Protein backbone atom coordinates (compact mmCIF):
# COMPACT_ATOMS: atom_id res chain seq x y z
CA UNK A 1 -34.08 11.92 19.48
CA UNK A 2 -37.88 9.92 18.96
CA UNK A 3 -38.13 9.85 15.60
CA UNK A 4 -41.33 8.42 15.03
CA UNK A 5 -43.24 11.85 15.66
CA UNK A 6 -46.19 9.55 16.81
CA UNK A 7 -43.76 9.17 19.63
CA UNK A 8 -43.73 13.31 19.72
CA UNK A 9 -44.85 14.97 23.29
CA UNK A 10 -48.62 16.35 22.69
CA UNK A 11 -49.03 20.02 22.40
CA UNK A 12 -52.55 19.63 23.10
CA UNK A 13 -53.70 21.12 19.99
CA UNK A 14 -55.24 18.25 17.56
CA UNK A 15 -52.43 17.55 15.05
CA UNK A 16 -49.71 19.46 16.38
CA UNK A 17 -47.32 18.33 18.40
CA UNK A 18 -43.70 19.25 19.77
CA UNK A 19 -40.78 18.28 18.41
CA UNK A 20 -38.27 16.87 20.85
CA UNK A 21 -35.08 18.29 18.96
CA UNK A 22 -36.31 21.83 19.42
CA UNK A 23 -38.84 21.86 21.64
CA UNK A 24 -41.02 23.81 19.45
CA UNK A 25 -44.73 23.03 18.09
CA UNK A 26 -45.05 21.98 14.23
CA UNK A 27 -47.92 20.39 13.09
CA UNK A 28 -47.31 17.21 12.24
CA UNK A 29 -51.15 16.44 10.64
CA UNK A 30 -52.87 18.83 8.43
CA UNK A 31 -56.53 17.27 8.67
CA UNK A 32 -56.59 16.79 11.84
CA UNK A 33 -55.00 20.51 12.80
CA UNK A 34 -57.72 21.93 10.25
CA UNK A 35 -60.38 20.54 11.46
CA UNK A 36 -60.11 21.38 14.99
CA UNK A 37 -59.22 25.19 13.88
CA UNK A 38 -62.81 24.93 12.08
CA UNK A 39 -64.66 23.92 15.17
CA UNK A 40 -62.85 26.45 17.39
CA UNK A 41 -62.89 29.89 16.66
CA UNK A 42 -60.43 30.77 19.91
CA UNK A 43 -58.30 33.25 17.92
CA UNK A 44 -55.56 32.31 20.54
CA UNK A 45 -56.20 28.17 18.93
CA UNK A 46 -55.71 29.64 15.99
CA UNK A 47 -52.36 31.88 16.65
CA UNK A 48 -50.97 28.56 18.24
CA UNK A 49 -51.38 26.61 14.77
CA UNK A 50 -50.07 29.76 13.37
CA UNK A 51 -46.71 29.57 15.20
CA UNK A 52 -46.62 25.43 14.77
CA UNK A 53 -46.87 26.28 11.11
CA UNK A 54 -43.86 28.53 11.21
CA UNK A 55 -45.96 32.18 11.09
CA UNK A 56 -44.83 33.92 13.62
CA UNK A 57 -46.18 37.45 12.52
CA UNK A 58 -49.67 36.18 11.78
CA UNK A 59 -49.28 34.57 14.67
CA UNK A 60 -48.34 37.94 16.56
CA UNK A 61 -51.00 39.80 15.00
CA UNK A 62 -54.03 37.30 15.87
CA UNK A 63 -52.49 37.00 19.56
CA UNK A 64 -52.43 41.01 19.77
CA UNK A 65 -55.75 41.12 18.70
CA UNK A 66 -56.96 38.49 20.66
CA UNK A 67 -55.30 40.02 24.23
CA UNK A 68 -56.95 43.26 23.06
CA UNK A 69 -60.06 41.97 23.59
CA UNK A 70 -59.40 39.39 26.84
CA UNK A 71 -56.34 41.21 28.24
CA UNK A 72 -56.91 39.36 31.40
CA UNK A 73 -57.05 35.59 29.69
CA UNK A 74 -53.55 33.93 31.30
CA UNK A 75 -53.71 31.48 28.29
CA UNK A 76 -53.48 33.95 25.88
CA UNK A 77 -50.70 35.25 28.23
CA UNK A 78 -48.63 32.20 27.94
CA UNK A 79 -49.21 31.74 24.99
CA UNK A 80 -47.44 35.64 24.23
CA UNK A 81 -44.32 34.00 25.43
CA UNK A 82 -44.38 31.53 22.77
CA UNK A 83 -44.48 34.18 20.07
CA UNK A 84 -42.04 36.49 21.47
CA UNK A 85 -39.83 32.55 21.92
CA UNK A 86 -40.46 32.37 18.26
CA UNK A 87 -39.79 36.29 16.81
CA UNK A 88 -36.38 35.81 19.41
CA UNK A 89 -37.45 38.76 21.74
CA UNK A 90 -35.74 36.38 24.29
CA UNK A 91 -35.32 39.46 27.10
CA UNK A 92 -39.03 40.37 26.83
CA UNK A 93 -40.38 37.01 26.83
CA UNK A 94 -37.67 36.29 29.89
CA UNK A 95 -39.17 39.09 31.15
CA UNK A 96 -42.77 38.23 31.01
CA UNK A 97 -42.11 34.88 31.64
CA UNK A 98 -40.68 36.02 35.72
CA UNK A 99 -44.16 38.57 35.35
CA UNK A 100 -46.49 36.00 34.84
CA UNK A 101 -44.40 33.43 37.25
CA UNK A 102 -45.15 36.05 40.50
CA UNK A 103 -48.64 35.62 39.27
CA UNK A 104 -48.90 31.63 38.97
CA UNK A 105 -47.39 31.18 41.81
CA UNK A 106 -48.80 28.57 44.08
CA UNK A 107 -51.53 27.74 41.53
CA UNK A 108 -52.00 25.06 39.16
CA UNK A 109 -50.67 27.46 36.27
CA UNK A 110 -47.05 27.64 37.73
CA UNK A 111 -45.73 24.75 36.35
CA UNK A 112 -46.48 25.53 32.89
CA UNK A 113 -45.19 29.07 33.30
CA UNK A 114 -42.42 27.58 34.13
CA UNK A 115 -42.36 24.93 31.25
CA UNK A 116 -42.33 28.28 28.94
CA UNK A 117 -39.91 30.08 30.26
CA UNK A 118 -37.43 26.86 30.41
CA UNK A 119 -38.42 27.10 26.91
CA UNK A 120 -37.30 30.19 26.20
CA UNK A 121 -33.90 29.82 27.77
CA UNK A 122 -33.35 26.73 25.59
CA UNK A 123 -33.80 28.84 22.91
CA UNK A 124 -31.69 31.19 23.88
CA UNK A 125 -28.92 29.15 23.97
CA UNK A 126 -28.79 28.70 28.09
CA UNK A 127 -29.12 25.38 28.93
CA UNK A 128 -28.17 25.21 32.24
CA UNK A 129 -30.91 27.73 33.77
CA UNK A 130 -33.60 25.66 30.94
CA UNK A 131 -33.16 22.90 33.03
CA UNK A 132 -34.02 24.32 36.39
CA UNK A 133 -36.89 25.78 34.74
CA UNK A 134 -38.06 21.91 33.13
CA UNK A 135 -36.99 20.52 36.59
CA UNK A 136 -39.17 22.58 38.33
CA UNK A 137 -42.24 22.17 36.39
CA UNK A 138 -41.36 17.99 35.77
CA UNK A 139 -41.57 18.42 40.16
CA UNK A 140 -44.44 20.40 40.19
CA UNK A 141 -46.24 19.03 37.04
CA UNK A 142 -45.51 15.04 39.40
CA UNK A 143 -47.06 16.78 42.56
CA UNK A 144 -49.67 18.00 41.41
CA UNK A 145 -50.93 14.76 39.27
CA UNK A 146 -50.70 16.04 36.30
CA UNK A 147 -51.67 15.11 33.02
CA UNK A 148 -49.13 12.27 31.70
CA UNK A 149 -48.56 14.08 28.39
CA UNK A 150 -48.00 17.44 30.62
CA UNK A 151 -45.42 14.95 32.70
CA UNK A 152 -43.91 13.72 29.88
CA UNK A 153 -44.01 16.56 27.68
CA UNK A 154 -41.86 18.28 30.41
CA UNK A 155 -39.17 15.24 30.77
CA UNK A 156 -38.58 15.03 26.67
CA UNK A 157 -37.50 18.69 27.05
CA UNK A 158 -35.53 18.40 30.69
CA UNK A 159 -33.76 15.49 29.01
CA UNK A 160 -32.84 17.14 25.77
CA UNK A 161 -31.80 20.43 28.05
CA UNK A 162 -29.58 18.00 29.74
CA UNK A 163 -28.72 16.67 26.97
CA UNK A 164 -26.98 19.46 25.04
CA UNK A 165 -25.81 21.42 28.97
CA UNK A 166 -24.16 17.95 28.79
CA UNK A 167 -22.35 18.69 25.28
CA UNK A 168 -20.97 22.04 26.11
CA UNK A 169 -18.43 20.81 29.21
C-alpha cells in the first residue's frame, strides 16, 4: 500500500485523493477542499466532497437535486454511480454503469465509466470483475493519451484489485 497520502491518486478535486487500499475518495486537505468548494458553486463538486467525507446521505440528496435540474449531465450520472456504490446499492450501481457504458462506448468517457464499474465490483468483493474493468479502463486511457493522473489512478486500482484477487486463490 502507498502509505504517504501525497502519493495517493488524485480524485480531480482539490484536497481529495483516492485511498489506494479501499479505492474510495477521502478528504486529505480540508483547507484546500473548503476553498475549492467555496469557489466552485457546482452541486456536483459539493456532492463529491460530501461523499469523500463519508456523508453518503447528504451526497445523495445534493446529487438528486442537481440531477433534477440537469438530468443529462454526464458528470452527475457518473457521480451517481459512486453514491450508489457508497450506499451499498451495488446491483443498482452496476445496472446504471452498464447503461452509461452503452452511452459512452467509443467516446473519451468510456474509460471513466469502466473505472467506476471497477470500483463498484471492487466494493462488492468481485475482484475478477474489478480487474477486468480496471484493465479495460487503463488500456483505453493509455490509448487515448489521457492525463497521467488518470492513468496512475487506474494503475493503482488495477494493482490493488489484482492483489486481492491473488489472495483469494
